[in-house]
Amino acid sequence: MSKRVHRFPLFSITVSFHLKSTSGLMIWRGFTQVTHIKLSLFSRQQRHACQLWAPTLLSLSPFLRYLLWLP
């Protein structure tokens, strides 16, 4: 009985590895871009909320000081 040795061509292995690493890189780039977009949207929303609430808090501060009996 002769044993058959299955050999894959080097080109096939190289292409397979390249495709896997390329798809992994594309997934990583997509993940980092999505994360960056989410973070930038969060910071915009946070700034917008601060812009909306800051005048309200400033106008209420004398009233809050009165309620809390702060000097």
PDB file of N, CA and C in Angstrom:
ATOM      1  N   MET A   1       0.835  -1.180   0.000  1.00  0.00           N
ATOM      2  CA  MET A   1       0.000   0.000   0.000  1.00  0.00           C
ATOM      3  C   MET A   1       0.876   1.238   0.000  1.00  0.00           C
ATOM      4  N   SER A   2       0.524   2.064  -0.843  1.00  0.00           N
ATOM      5  CA  SER A   2       1.283   3.316  -0.882  1.00  0.00           C
ATOM      6  C   SER A   2       0.476   4.402  -0.183  1.00  0.00           C
ATOM      7  N   LYS A   3       1.184   5.198   0.548  1.00  0.00           N
ATOM      8  CA  LYS A   3       0.514   6.290   1.254  1.00  0.00           C
ATOM      9  C   LYS A   3       0.446   7.504   0.340  1.00  0.00           C
ATOM     10  N   ARG A   4      -0.701   8.083   0.323  1.00  0.00           N
ATOM     11  CA  ARG A   4      -0.841   9.311  -0.457  1.00  0.00           C
ATOM     12  C   ARG A   4      -0.592  10.490   0.463  1.00  0.00           C
ATOM     13  N   VAL A   5       0.222  11.344   0.020  1.00  0.00           N
ATOM     14  CA  VAL A   5       0.508  12.549   0.789  1.00  0.00           C
ATOM     15  C   VAL A   5      -0.187  13.696   0.079  1.00  0.00           C
ATOM     16  N   HIS A   6      -1.078  14.338   0.805  1.00  0.00           N
ATOM     17  CA  HIS A   6      -1.780  15.474   0.211  1.00  0.00           C
ATOM     18  C   HIS A   6      -0.945  16.721   0.428  1.00  0.00           C
ATOM     19  N   ARG A   7      -0.487  17.249  -0.646  1.00  0.00           N
ATOM     20  CA  ARG A   7       0.312  18.468  -0.553  1.00  0.00           C
ATOM     21  C   ARG A   7      -0.465  19.602  -1.199  1.00  0.00           C
ATOM     22  N   PHE A   8      -0.510  20.693  -0.494  1.00  0.00           N
ATOM     23  CA  PHE A   8      -1.164  21.871  -1.038  1.00  0.00           C
ATOM     24  C   PHE A   8      -0.105  22.738  -1.698  1.00  0.00           C
ATOM     25  N   PRO A   9      -0.427  23.295  -2.817  1.00  0.00           N
ATOM     26  CA  PRO A   9       0.547  24.192  -3.440  1.00  0.00           C
ATOM     27  C   PRO A   9       0.802  25.401  -2.538  1.00  0.00           C
ATOM     28  N   LEU A  10       2.020  25.878  -2.548  1.00  0.00           N
ATOM     29  CA  LEU A  10       2.397  27.013  -1.714  1.00  0.00           C
ATOM     30  C   LEU A  10       1.565  28.245  -2.068  1.00  0.00           C
ATOM     31  N   PHE A  11       1.266  28.410  -3.351  1.00  0.00           N
ATOM     32  CA  PHE A  11       0.459  29.550  -3.792  1.00  0.00           C
ATOM     33  C   PHE A  11      -0.911  29.526  -3.127  1.00  0.00           C
ATOM     34  N   SER A  12      -1.508  28.353  -3.044  1.00  0.00           N
ATOM     35  CA  SER A  12      -2.833  28.214  -2.436  1.00  0.00           C
ATOM     36  C   SER A  12      -2.798  28.607  -0.964  1.00  0.00           C
ATOM     37  N   ILE A  13      -1.778  28.169  -0.250  1.00  0.00           N
ATOM     38  CA  ILE A  13      -1.660  28.508   1.169  1.00  0.00           C
ATOM     39  C   ILE A  13      -1.429  30.001   1.341  1.00  0.00           C
ATOM     40  N   THR A  14      -0.591  30.574   0.488  1.00  0.00           N
ATOM     41  CA  THR A  14      -0.292  32.006   0.568  1.00  0.00           C
ATOM     42  C   THR A  14      -1.537  32.837   0.298  1.00  0.00           C
ATOM     43  N   VAL A  15      -2.295  32.464  -0.729  1.00  0.00           N
ATOM     44  CA  VAL A  15      -3.518  33.199  -1.063  1.00  0.00           C
ATOM     45  C   VAL A  15      -4.530  33.068   0.062  1.00  0.00           C
ATOM     46  N   SER A  16      -4.662  31.866   0.608  1.00  0.00           N
ATOM     47  CA  SER A  16      -5.602  31.660   1.704  1.00  0.00           C
ATOM     48  C   SER A  16      -5.227  32.515   2.910  1.00  0.00           C
ATOM     49  N   PHE A  17      -3.951  32.530   3.272  1.00  0.00           N
ATOM     50  CA  PHE A  17      -3.490  33.336   4.398  1.00  0.00           C
ATOM     51  C   PHE A  17      -3.703  34.820   4.128  1.00  0.00           C
ATOM     52  N   HIS A  18      -3.429  35.238   2.894  1.00  0.00           N
ATOM     53  CA  HIS A  18      -3.602  36.647   2.536  1.00  0.00           C
ATOM     54  C   HIS A  18      -5.071  37.047   2.637  1.00  0.00           C
ATOM     55  N   LEU A  19      -5.958  36.184   2.158  1.00  0.00           N
ATOM     56  CA  LEU A  19      -7.384  36.496   2.225  1.00  0.00           C
ATOM     57  C   LEU A  19      -7.858  36.572   3.669  1.00  0.00           C
ATOM     58  N   LYS A  20      -7.388  35.652   4.510  1.00  0.00           N
ATOM     59  CA  LYS A  20      -7.797  35.673   5.913  1.00  0.00           C
ATOM     60  C   LYS A  20      -7.277  36.923   6.613  1.00  0.00           C
ATOM     61  N   SER A  21      -6.025  37.272   6.363  1.00  0.00           N
ATOM     62  CA  SER A  21      -5.474  38.457   7.025  1.00  0.00           C
ATOM     63  C   SER A  21      -6.119  39.722   6.492  1.00  0.00           C
ATOM     64  N   THR A  22      -6.437  39.743   5.193  1.00  0.00           N
ATOM     65  CA  THR A  22      -7.088  40.920   4.621  1.00  0.00           C
ATOM     66  C   THR A  22      -8.485  41.090   5.194  1.00  0.00           C
ATOM     67  N   SER A  23      -9.238  39.993   5.295  1.00  0.00           N
ATOM     68  CA  SER A  23     -10.588  40.112   5.848  1.00  0.00           C
ATOM     69  C   SER A  23     -10.525  40.497   7.321  1.00  0.00           C
ATOM     70  N   GLY A  24      -9.539  39.962   8.043  1.00  0.00           N
ATOM     71  CA  GLY A  24      -9.368  40.365   9.442  1.00  0.00           C
ATOM     72  C   GLY A  24      -9.042  41.839   9.559  1.00  0.00           C
ATOM     73  N   LEU A  25      -8.193  42.326   8.666  1.00  0.00           N
ATOM     74  CA  LEU A  25      -7.839  43.746   8.674  1.00  0.00           C
ATOM     75  C   LEU A  25      -9.052  44.603   8.349  1.00  0.00           C
ATOM     76  N   MET A  26      -9.861  44.153   7.380  1.00  0.00           N
ATOM     77  CA  MET A  26     -11.058  44.915   7.022  1.00  0.00           C
ATOM     78  C   MET A  26     -12.041  44.952   8.188  1.00  0.00           C
ATOM     79  N   ILE A  27     -12.190  43.829   8.878  1.00  0.00           N
ATOM     80  CA  ILE A  27     -13.085  43.797  10.042  1.00  0.00           C
ATOM     81  C   ILE A  27     -12.560  44.732  11.119  1.00  0.00           C
ATOM     82  N   TRP A  28     -11.239  44.704  11.361  1.00  0.00           N
ATOM     83  CA  TRP A  28     -10.644  45.566  12.384  1.00  0.00           C
ATOM     84  C   TRP A  28     -10.834  47.034  12.026  1.00  0.00           C
ATOM     85  N   ARG A  29     -10.607  47.376  10.757  1.00  0.00           N
ATOM     86  CA  ARG A  29     -10.799  48.769  10.332  1.00  0.00           C
ATOM     87  C   ARG A  29     -12.251  49.188  10.495  1.00  0.00           C
ATOM     88  N   GLY A  30     -13.161  48.305  10.104  1.00  0.00           N
ATOM     89  CA  GLY A  30     -14.577  48.620  10.260  1.00  0.00           C
ATOM     90  C   GLY A  30     -14.943  48.816  11.713  1.00  0.00           C
ATOM     91  N   PHE A  31     -14.403  47.974  12.583  1.00  0.00           N
ATOM     92  CA  PHE A  31     -14.686  48.088  14.011  1.00  0.00           C
ATOM     93  C   PHE A  31     -14.155  49.406  14.566  1.00  0.00           C
ATOM     94  N   THR A  32     -12.929  49.754  14.194  1.00  0.00           N
ATOM     95  CA  THR A  32     -12.351  50.989  14.729  1.00  0.00           C
ATOM     96  C   THR A  32     -13.071  52.206  14.180  1.00  0.00           C
ATOM     97  N   GLN A  33     -13.501  52.156  12.918  1.00  0.00           N
ATOM     98  CA  GLN A  33     -14.236  53.290  12.361  1.00  0.00           C
ATOM     99  C   GLN A  33     -15.589  53.438  13.041  1.00  0.00           C
ATOM    100  N   VAL A  34     -16.273  52.328  13.256  1.00  0.00           N
ATOM    101  CA  VAL A  34     -17.573  52.387  13.931  1.00  0.00           C
ATOM    102  C   VAL A  34     -17.392  52.907  15.350  1.00  0.00           C
ATOM    103  N   THR A  35     -16.362  52.432  16.032  1.00  0.00           N
ATOM    104  CA  THR A  35     -16.101  52.890  17.393  1.00  0.00           C
ATOM    105  C   THR A  35     -15.811  54.378  17.401  1.00  0.00           C
ATOM    106  N   HIS A  36     -15.017  54.827  16.441  1.00  0.00           N
ATOM    107  CA  HIS A  36     -14.676  56.250  16.364  1.00  0.00           C
ATOM    108  C   HIS A  36     -15.924  57.087  16.097  1.00  0.00           C
ATOM    109  N   ILE A  37     -16.779  56.608  15.203  1.00  0.00           N
ATOM    110  CA  ILE A  37     -18.009  57.341  14.896  1.00  0.00           C
ATOM    111  C   ILE A  37     -18.901  57.397  16.133  1.00  0.00           C
ATOM    112  N   LYS A  38     -19.030  56.276  16.842  1.00  0.00           N
ATOM    113  CA  LYS A  38     -19.873  56.263  18.039  1.00  0.00           C
ATOM    114  C   LYS A  38     -19.323  57.200  19.100  1.00  0.00           C
ATOM    115  N   LEU A  39     -18.009  57.205  19.279  1.00  0.00           N
ATOM    116  CA  LEU A  39     -17.412  58.083  20.278  1.00  0.00           C
ATOM    117  C   LEU A  39     -17.593  59.542  19.905  1.00  0.00           C
ATOM    118  N   SER A  40     -17.433  59.866  18.621  1.00  0.00           N
ATOM    119  CA  SER A  40     -17.589  61.261  18.232  1.00  0.00           C
ATOM    120  C   SER A  40     -19.046  61.696  18.368  1.00  0.00           C
ATOM    121  N   LEU A  41     -19.987  60.804  18.059  1.00  0.00           N
ATOM    122  CA  LEU A  41     -21.396  61.151  18.236  1.00  0.00           C
ATOM    123  C   LEU A  41     -21.719  61.345  19.711  1.00  0.00           C
ATOM    124  N   PHE A  42     -21.150  60.491  20.560  1.00  0.00           N
ATOM    125  CA  PHE A  42     -21.386  60.610  21.992  1.00  0.00           C
ATOM    126  C   PHE A  42     -20.854  61.936  22.515  1.00  0.00           C
ATOM    127  N   SER A  43     -19.669  62.316  22.072  1.00  0.00           N
ATOM    128  CA  SER A  43     -19.103  63.569  22.570  1.00  0.00           C
ATOM    129  C   SER A  43     -19.912  64.758  22.065  1.00  0.00           C
ATOM    130  N   ARG A  44     -20.430  64.673  20.843  1.00  0.00           N
ATOM    131  CA  ARG A  44     -21.281  65.762  20.335  1.00  0.00           C
ATOM    132  C   ARG A  44     -22.564  65.859  21.148  1.00  0.00           C
ATOM    133  N   GLN A  45     -23.169  64.704  21.421  1.00  0.00           N
ATOM    134  CA  GLN A  45     -24.407  64.707  22.200  1.00  0.00           C
ATOM    135  C   GLN A  45     -24.147  65.229  23.603  1.00  0.00           C
ATOM    136  N   GLN A  46     -23.016  64.852  24.156  1.00  0.00           N
ATOM    137  CA  GLN A  46     -22.680  65.291  25.504  1.00  0.00           C
ATOM    138  C   GLN A  46     -22.478  66.806  25.532  1.00  0.00           C
ATOM    139  N   ARG A  47     -21.763  67.328  24.519  1.00  0.00           N
ATOM    140  CA  ARG A  47     -21.561  68.779  24.453  1.00  0.00           C
ATOM    141  C   ARG A  47     -22.891  69.499  24.274  1.00  0.00           C
ATOM    142  N   HIS A  48     -23.748  68.932  23.428  1.00  0.00           N
ATOM    143  CA  HIS A  48     -25.046  69.555  23.178  1.00  0.00           C
ATOM    144  C   HIS A  48     -25.879  69.575  24.460  1.00  0.00           C
ATOM    145  N   ALA A  49     -25.846  68.480  25.197  1.00  0.00           N
ATOM    146  CA  ALA A  49     -26.593  68.425  26.457  1.00  0.00           C
ATOM    147  C   ALA A  49     -26.041  69.441  27.448  1.00  0.00           C
ATOM    148  N   CYS A  50     -24.720  69.580  27.495  1.00  0.00           N
ATOM    149  CA  CYS A  50     -24.123  70.572  28.404  1.00  0.00           C
ATOM    150  C   CYS A  50     -24.523  71.984  28.004  1.00  0.00           C
ATOM    151  N   GLN A  51     -24.571  72.231  26.697  1.00  0.00           N
ATOM    152  CA  GLN A  51     -24.972  73.561  26.241  1.00  0.00           C
ATOM    153  C   GLN A  51     -26.421  73.848  26.608  1.00  0.00           C
ATOM    154  N   LEU A  52     -27.245  72.815  26.600  1.00  0.00           N
ATOM    155  CA  LEU A  52     -28.647  73.022  26.952  1.00  0.00           C
ATOM    156  C   LEU A  52     -28.843  73.189  28.457  1.00  0.00           C
ATOM    157  N   TRP A  53     -28.134  72.402  29.259  1.00  0.00           N
ATOM    158  CA  TRP A  53     -28.356  72.395  30.696  1.00  0.00           C
ATOM    159  C   TRP A  53     -27.555  73.436  31.455  1.00  0.00           C
ATOM    160  N   ALA A  54     -26.457  73.896  30.886  1.00  0.00           N
ATOM    161  CA  ALA A  54     -25.614  74.851  31.617  1.00  0.00           C
ATOM    162  C   ALA A  54     -26.363  76.131  31.978  1.00  0.00           C
ATOM    163  N   PRO A  55     -27.065  76.779  31.041  1.00  0.00           N
ATOM    164  CA  PRO A  55     -27.801  77.996  31.435  1.00  0.00           C
ATOM    165  C   PRO A  55     -28.885  77.721  32.477  1.00  0.00           C
ATOM    166  N   THR A  56     -29.534  76.578  32.350  1.00  0.00           N
ATOM    167  CA  THR A  56     -30.583  76.234  33.309  1.00  0.00           C
ATOM    168  C   THR A  56     -30.001  76.051  34.703  1.00  0.00           C
ATOM    169  N   LEU A  57     -28.888  75.342  34.784  1.00  0.00           N
ATOM    170  CA  LEU A  57     -28.254  75.133  36.087  1.00  0.00           C
ATOM    171  C   LEU A  57     -27.738  76.439  36.672  1.00  0.00           C
ATOM    172  N   LEU A  58     -27.203  77.293  35.807  1.00  0.00           N
ATOM    173  CA  LEU A  58     -26.704  78.580  36.301  1.00  0.00           C
ATOM    174  C   LEU A  58     -27.844  79.453  36.817  1.00  0.00           C
ATOM    175  N   SER A  59     -28.970  79.397  36.136  1.00  0.00           N
ATOM    176  CA  SER A  59     -30.093  80.213  36.591  1.00  0.00           C
ATOM    177  C   SER A  59     -30.719  79.638  37.866  1.00  0.00           C
ATOM    178  N   LEU A  60     -30.608  78.338  38.067  1.00  0.00           N
ATOM    179  CA  LEU A  60     -31.167  77.718  39.265  1.00  0.00           C
ATOM    180  C   LEU A  60     -30.211  77.744  40.454  1.00  0.00           C
ATOM    181  N   SER A  61     -28.952  78.094  40.225  1.00  0.00           N
ATOM    182  CA  SER A  61     -27.978  77.998  41.311  1.00  0.00           C
ATOM    183  C   SER A  61     -28.336  78.856  42.526  1.00  0.00           C
ATOM    184  N   PRO A  62     -28.851  80.098  42.393  1.00  0.00           N
ATOM    185  CA  PRO A  62     -29.254  80.818  43.611  1.00  0.00           C
ATOM    186  C   PRO A  62     -30.386  80.105  44.356  1.00  0.00           C
ATOM    187  N   PHE A  63     -31.318  79.551  43.600  1.00  0.00           N
ATOM    188  CA  PHE A  63     -32.423  78.833  44.206  1.00  0.00           C
ATOM    189  C   PHE A  63     -31.924  77.579  44.920  1.00  0.00           C
ATOM    190  N   LEU A  64     -30.999  76.858  44.292  1.00  0.00           N
ATOM    191  CA  LEU A  64     -30.437  75.658  44.916  1.00  0.00           C
ATOM    192  C   LEU A  64     -29.649  76.018  46.169  1.00  0.00           C
ATOM    193  N   ARG A  65     -28.911  77.135  46.110  1.00  0.00           N
ATOM    194  CA  ARG A  65     -28.174  77.561  47.306  1.00  0.00           C
ATOM    195  C   ARG A  65     -29.135  77.888  48.441  1.00  0.00           C
ATOM    196  N   TYR A  66     -30.251  78.507  48.102  1.00  0.00           N
ATOM    197  CA  TYR A  66     -31.263  78.839  49.102  1.00  0.00           C
ATOM    198  C   TYR A  66     -31.844  77.565  49.720  1.00  0.00           C
ATOM    199  N   LEU A  67     -32.133  76.563  48.850  1.00  0.00           N
ATOM    200  CA  LEU A  67     -32.693  75.311  49.352  1.00  0.00           C
ATOM    201  C   LEU A  67     -31.702  74.552  50.227  1.00  0.00           C
ATOM    202  N   LEU A  68     -30.440  74.582  49.853  1.00  0.00           N
ATOM    203  CA  LEU A  68     -29.423  73.833  50.594  1.00  0.00           C
ATOM    204  C   LEU A  68     -28.771  74.658  51.693  1.00  0.00           C
ATOM    205  N   TRP A  69     -29.143  75.916  51.822  1.00  0.00           N
ATOM    206  CA  TRP A  69     -28.609  76.854  52.808  1.00  0.00           C
ATOM    207  C   TRP A  69     -27.098  76.995  52.679  1.00  0.00           C
ATOM    208  N   LEU A  70     -26.654  77.165  51.465  1.00  0.00           N
ATOM    209  CA  LEU A  70     -25.227  77.355  51.227  1.00  0.00           C
ATOM    210  C   LEU A  70     -24.921  78.846  51.176  1.00  0.00           C
ATOM    211  N   PRO A  71     -23.752  79.274  51.659  1.00  0.00           N
ATOM    212  CA  PRO A  71     -23.409  80.715  51.628  1.00  0.00           C
ATOM    213  C   PRO A  71     -23.134  81.212  50.228  1.00  0.00           C
TER     214      PRO A  71
END
